[in-house]
Each structure stands twice: as structure tokens, then as C-alpha cells.
Amino acid sequence: MKRVLVGALIAAAAGAAGVGGATAAQSSDEPARQDCRTYSSVTDCGGPVKLTEKQQACVTAATRQGMTERRAEVECRAFP
């Protein structure tokens, strides 16, 4: 019985991790996912953006206070 449970756990973990290939493949019909994040009702999609000096100072101050850099970038651009 123990072997069956261990085998089932390993199979479940392998399936959740996408091991096996076919289920993890994305069809060409689906649109590519964008890197989007929403904080304080502001959504930002796409890669890194050039920040002004004021925005970069805001990000630095926010991250020193414990905010994640991704969130700080969005909020410092949205609320200058």
C-alpha cells in the first residue's frame, strides 16, 4: 500500500510540474502571455521600462521600506 501511495505522489508531482511534455506545450492558436501586474488598480504589461530619476528614487525608497521592486515600479510610475 505504501508503494502505491508513493508512486501516486510522484506521478502527481511530475504531472503538476509539466513533466511529460505534451500537456505543457502551448498551441499556436493561443495568444502569448504578457508579463502583466496590477497594483492599486493600475495594470502594467510588458518588460522593463526606462524610469526617470524621480521614479527611480521612488522605487529605491519603496524597496528599502519592504515593497517589491516590481510593485514599486508600477506605483512610482502611476503615482509620481
N, C-alpha and C. Protein backbone atom coordinates (compact mmCIF):
# COMPACT_ATOMS: atom_id res chain seq x y z
N MET A 1 0.83 -1.21 0.00
CA MET A 1 0.00 0.00 0.00
C MET A 1 0.86 1.26 0.00
N LYS A 2 1.95 1.22 0.78
CA LYS A 2 2.82 2.38 0.87
C LYS A 2 3.44 2.70 -0.49
N ARG A 3 3.83 1.67 -1.24
CA ARG A 3 4.43 1.88 -2.56
C ARG A 3 3.45 2.53 -3.52
N VAL A 4 2.21 2.14 -3.43
CA VAL A 4 1.17 2.71 -4.31
C VAL A 4 1.01 4.19 -4.02
N LEU A 5 0.97 4.57 -2.75
CA LEU A 5 0.82 5.98 -2.38
C LEU A 5 2.03 6.79 -2.82
N VAL A 6 3.23 6.25 -2.61
CA VAL A 6 4.44 6.97 -3.02
C VAL A 6 4.46 7.13 -4.53
N GLY A 7 4.09 6.08 -5.25
CA GLY A 7 4.04 6.16 -6.72
C GLY A 7 3.02 7.19 -7.19
N ALA A 8 1.88 7.24 -6.52
CA ALA A 8 0.85 8.21 -6.89
C ALA A 8 1.32 9.63 -6.62
N LEU A 9 2.01 9.83 -5.51
CA LEU A 9 2.54 11.17 -5.19
C LEU A 9 3.58 11.60 -6.21
N ILE A 10 4.45 10.69 -6.60
CA ILE A 10 5.47 11.02 -7.59
C ILE A 10 4.81 11.35 -8.93
N ALA A 11 3.83 10.56 -9.32
CA ALA A 11 3.13 10.82 -10.59
C ALA A 11 2.40 12.16 -10.55
N ALA A 12 1.78 12.47 -9.42
CA ALA A 12 1.07 13.74 -9.30
C ALA A 12 2.04 14.91 -9.36
N ALA A 13 3.18 14.77 -8.69
CA ALA A 13 4.18 15.85 -8.70
C ALA A 13 4.74 16.03 -10.10
N ALA A 14 5.00 14.94 -10.80
CA ALA A 14 5.52 15.03 -12.17
C ALA A 14 4.50 15.68 -13.09
N GLY A 15 3.23 15.34 -12.92
CA GLY A 15 2.19 15.95 -13.76
C GLY A 15 2.02 17.42 -13.47
N ALA A 16 2.10 17.82 -12.20
CA ALA A 16 1.95 19.22 -11.83
C ALA A 16 3.12 20.05 -12.33
N ALA A 17 4.30 19.44 -12.39
CA ALA A 17 5.48 20.17 -12.84
C ALA A 17 5.57 20.26 -14.35
N GLY A 18 4.67 19.57 -15.05
CA GLY A 18 4.68 19.64 -16.51
C GLY A 18 5.63 18.64 -17.14
N VAL A 19 6.12 17.67 -16.38
CA VAL A 19 7.00 16.66 -16.92
C VAL A 19 6.18 15.77 -17.84
N GLY A 20 6.71 15.48 -18.99
CA GLY A 20 5.97 14.65 -19.93
C GLY A 20 5.75 15.37 -21.24
N GLY A 21 5.85 16.65 -21.25
CA GLY A 21 5.87 17.43 -22.47
C GLY A 21 4.55 17.78 -23.10
N ALA A 22 3.77 16.82 -23.51
CA ALA A 22 2.60 17.08 -24.34
C ALA A 22 1.59 18.00 -23.68
N THR A 23 1.37 17.85 -22.38
CA THR A 23 0.38 18.71 -21.73
C THR A 23 0.91 20.11 -21.50
N ALA A 24 2.22 20.27 -21.47
CA ALA A 24 2.80 21.57 -21.20
C ALA A 24 2.96 22.41 -22.46
N ALA A 25 2.82 21.81 -23.64
CA ALA A 25 3.01 22.54 -24.88
C ALA A 25 1.86 23.52 -25.10
N GLN A 26 2.20 24.71 -25.58
CA GLN A 26 1.18 25.72 -25.85
C GLN A 26 0.85 25.68 -27.33
N SER A 27 -0.42 25.64 -27.65
CA SER A 27 -0.79 25.60 -29.06
C SER A 27 -0.55 26.97 -29.69
N SER A 28 -0.37 26.97 -31.00
CA SER A 28 -0.10 28.23 -31.69
C SER A 28 -1.35 29.09 -31.80
N ASP A 29 -2.53 28.53 -31.50
CA ASP A 29 -3.77 29.29 -31.56
C ASP A 29 -3.94 30.23 -30.38
N GLU A 30 -3.27 29.92 -29.27
CA GLU A 30 -3.41 30.72 -28.06
C GLU A 30 -2.47 31.92 -28.12
N PRO A 31 -2.93 33.09 -27.67
CA PRO A 31 -2.03 34.25 -27.65
C PRO A 31 -0.95 34.07 -26.60
N ALA A 32 0.21 34.63 -26.85
CA ALA A 32 1.31 34.55 -25.90
C ALA A 32 0.96 35.37 -24.65
N ARG A 33 1.34 34.85 -23.51
CA ARG A 33 1.06 35.56 -22.26
C ARG A 33 2.01 36.75 -22.11
N GLN A 34 1.46 37.84 -21.64
CA GLN A 34 2.28 39.02 -21.38
C GLN A 34 2.62 39.07 -19.90
N ASP A 35 3.70 39.73 -19.60
CA ASP A 35 4.09 39.94 -18.21
C ASP A 35 3.29 41.13 -17.69
N CYS A 36 2.13 40.87 -17.07
CA CYS A 36 1.27 41.92 -16.56
C CYS A 36 1.18 41.84 -15.04
N ARG A 37 1.06 42.97 -14.41
CA ARG A 37 0.85 43.04 -12.97
C ARG A 37 -0.06 44.21 -12.66
N THR A 38 -0.88 44.06 -11.62
CA THR A 38 -1.82 45.10 -11.21
C THR A 38 -1.62 45.40 -9.74
N TYR A 39 -1.38 46.64 -9.44
CA TYR A 39 -1.25 47.13 -8.08
C TYR A 39 -2.02 48.43 -7.96
N SER A 40 -2.75 48.61 -6.89
CA SER A 40 -3.52 49.83 -6.65
C SER A 40 -4.39 50.19 -7.85
N SER A 41 -5.03 49.19 -8.44
CA SER A 41 -5.92 49.35 -9.60
C SER A 41 -5.22 49.86 -10.85
N VAL A 42 -3.89 49.73 -10.92
CA VAL A 42 -3.13 50.13 -12.10
C VAL A 42 -2.48 48.87 -12.67
N THR A 43 -2.76 48.58 -13.95
CA THR A 43 -2.19 47.41 -14.61
C THR A 43 -1.06 47.85 -15.52
N ASP A 44 0.06 47.12 -15.44
CA ASP A 44 1.22 47.41 -16.25
C ASP A 44 1.64 46.13 -16.94
N CYS A 45 1.74 46.16 -18.27
CA CYS A 45 2.14 44.98 -19.03
C CYS A 45 3.41 45.28 -19.81
N GLY A 46 4.20 44.24 -19.98
CA GLY A 46 5.42 44.37 -20.76
C GLY A 46 6.66 44.28 -19.90
N GLY A 47 7.77 44.41 -20.55
CA GLY A 47 9.07 44.28 -19.90
C GLY A 47 9.50 45.55 -19.18
N PRO A 48 10.76 45.59 -18.83
CA PRO A 48 11.28 46.75 -18.10
C PRO A 48 11.15 48.04 -18.92
N VAL A 49 10.93 49.12 -18.23
CA VAL A 49 10.76 50.42 -18.86
C VAL A 49 11.81 51.37 -18.28
N LYS A 50 12.16 52.36 -19.04
CA LYS A 50 13.11 53.37 -18.58
C LYS A 50 12.41 54.29 -17.60
N LEU A 51 12.95 54.41 -16.38
CA LEU A 51 12.37 55.27 -15.36
C LEU A 51 13.11 56.59 -15.30
N THR A 52 12.40 57.65 -14.96
CA THR A 52 13.06 58.94 -14.75
C THR A 52 13.84 58.86 -13.44
N GLU A 53 14.67 59.85 -13.18
CA GLU A 53 15.45 59.87 -11.93
C GLU A 53 14.51 59.92 -10.73
N LYS A 54 13.45 60.71 -10.82
CA LYS A 54 12.50 60.82 -9.72
C LYS A 54 11.80 59.48 -9.47
N GLN A 55 11.40 58.80 -10.55
CA GLN A 55 10.75 57.50 -10.42
C GLN A 55 11.71 56.46 -9.83
N GLN A 56 12.97 56.49 -10.28
CA GLN A 56 13.96 55.54 -9.76
C GLN A 56 14.22 55.78 -8.28
N ALA A 57 14.25 57.04 -7.86
CA ALA A 57 14.42 57.36 -6.44
C ALA A 57 13.23 56.85 -5.63
N CYS A 58 12.05 56.98 -6.21
CA CYS A 58 10.83 56.47 -5.57
C CYS A 58 10.90 54.95 -5.41
N VAL A 59 11.34 54.24 -6.45
CA VAL A 59 11.48 52.78 -6.40
C VAL A 59 12.49 52.39 -5.33
N THR A 60 13.61 53.07 -5.29
CA THR A 60 14.64 52.76 -4.29
C THR A 60 14.12 52.95 -2.88
N ALA A 61 13.42 54.06 -2.65
CA ALA A 61 12.86 54.33 -1.32
C ALA A 61 11.80 53.29 -0.94
N ALA A 62 10.96 52.91 -1.88
CA ALA A 62 9.90 51.94 -1.61
C ALA A 62 10.46 50.56 -1.31
N THR A 63 11.49 50.15 -2.06
CA THR A 63 12.07 48.83 -1.82
C THR A 63 12.82 48.78 -0.49
N ARG A 64 13.39 49.89 -0.08
CA ARG A 64 14.04 49.93 1.24
C ARG A 64 13.03 49.76 2.36
N GLN A 65 11.78 50.14 2.08
CA GLN A 65 10.72 50.01 3.09
C GLN A 65 10.03 48.65 3.01
N GLY A 66 10.47 47.78 2.09
CA GLY A 66 9.93 46.43 2.04
C GLY A 66 9.04 46.11 0.86
N MET A 67 8.75 47.07 0.00
CA MET A 67 7.91 46.80 -1.17
C MET A 67 8.75 46.07 -2.22
N THR A 68 8.11 45.18 -2.98
CA THR A 68 8.84 44.50 -4.05
C THR A 68 9.18 45.50 -5.15
N GLU A 69 10.25 45.23 -5.86
CA GLU A 69 10.69 46.16 -6.91
C GLU A 69 9.66 46.25 -8.03
N ARG A 70 9.05 45.13 -8.40
CA ARG A 70 8.03 45.14 -9.47
C ARG A 70 6.86 46.02 -9.09
N ARG A 71 6.38 45.91 -7.85
CA ARG A 71 5.26 46.73 -7.41
C ARG A 71 5.68 48.20 -7.33
N ALA A 72 6.86 48.45 -6.82
CA ALA A 72 7.34 49.83 -6.69
C ALA A 72 7.43 50.50 -8.06
N GLU A 73 7.89 49.78 -9.06
CA GLU A 73 7.99 50.36 -10.40
C GLU A 73 6.62 50.79 -10.93
N VAL A 74 5.62 49.94 -10.73
CA VAL A 74 4.29 50.26 -11.21
C VAL A 74 3.74 51.47 -10.45
N GLU A 75 3.82 51.42 -9.13
CA GLU A 75 3.23 52.50 -8.33
C GLU A 75 3.98 53.82 -8.50
N CYS A 76 5.28 53.78 -8.63
CA CYS A 76 6.04 55.02 -8.78
C CYS A 76 5.82 55.67 -10.14
N ARG A 77 5.48 54.87 -11.16
CA ARG A 77 5.13 55.45 -12.47
C ARG A 77 3.69 55.94 -12.46
N ALA A 78 2.80 55.25 -11.75
CA ALA A 78 1.39 55.61 -11.77
C ALA A 78 1.10 56.80 -10.86
N PHE A 79 1.80 56.90 -9.75
CA PHE A 79 1.56 57.96 -8.76
C PHE A 79 2.85 58.72 -8.50
N PRO A 80 3.23 59.59 -9.44
CA PRO A 80 4.53 60.30 -9.30
C PRO A 80 4.63 61.26 -8.15
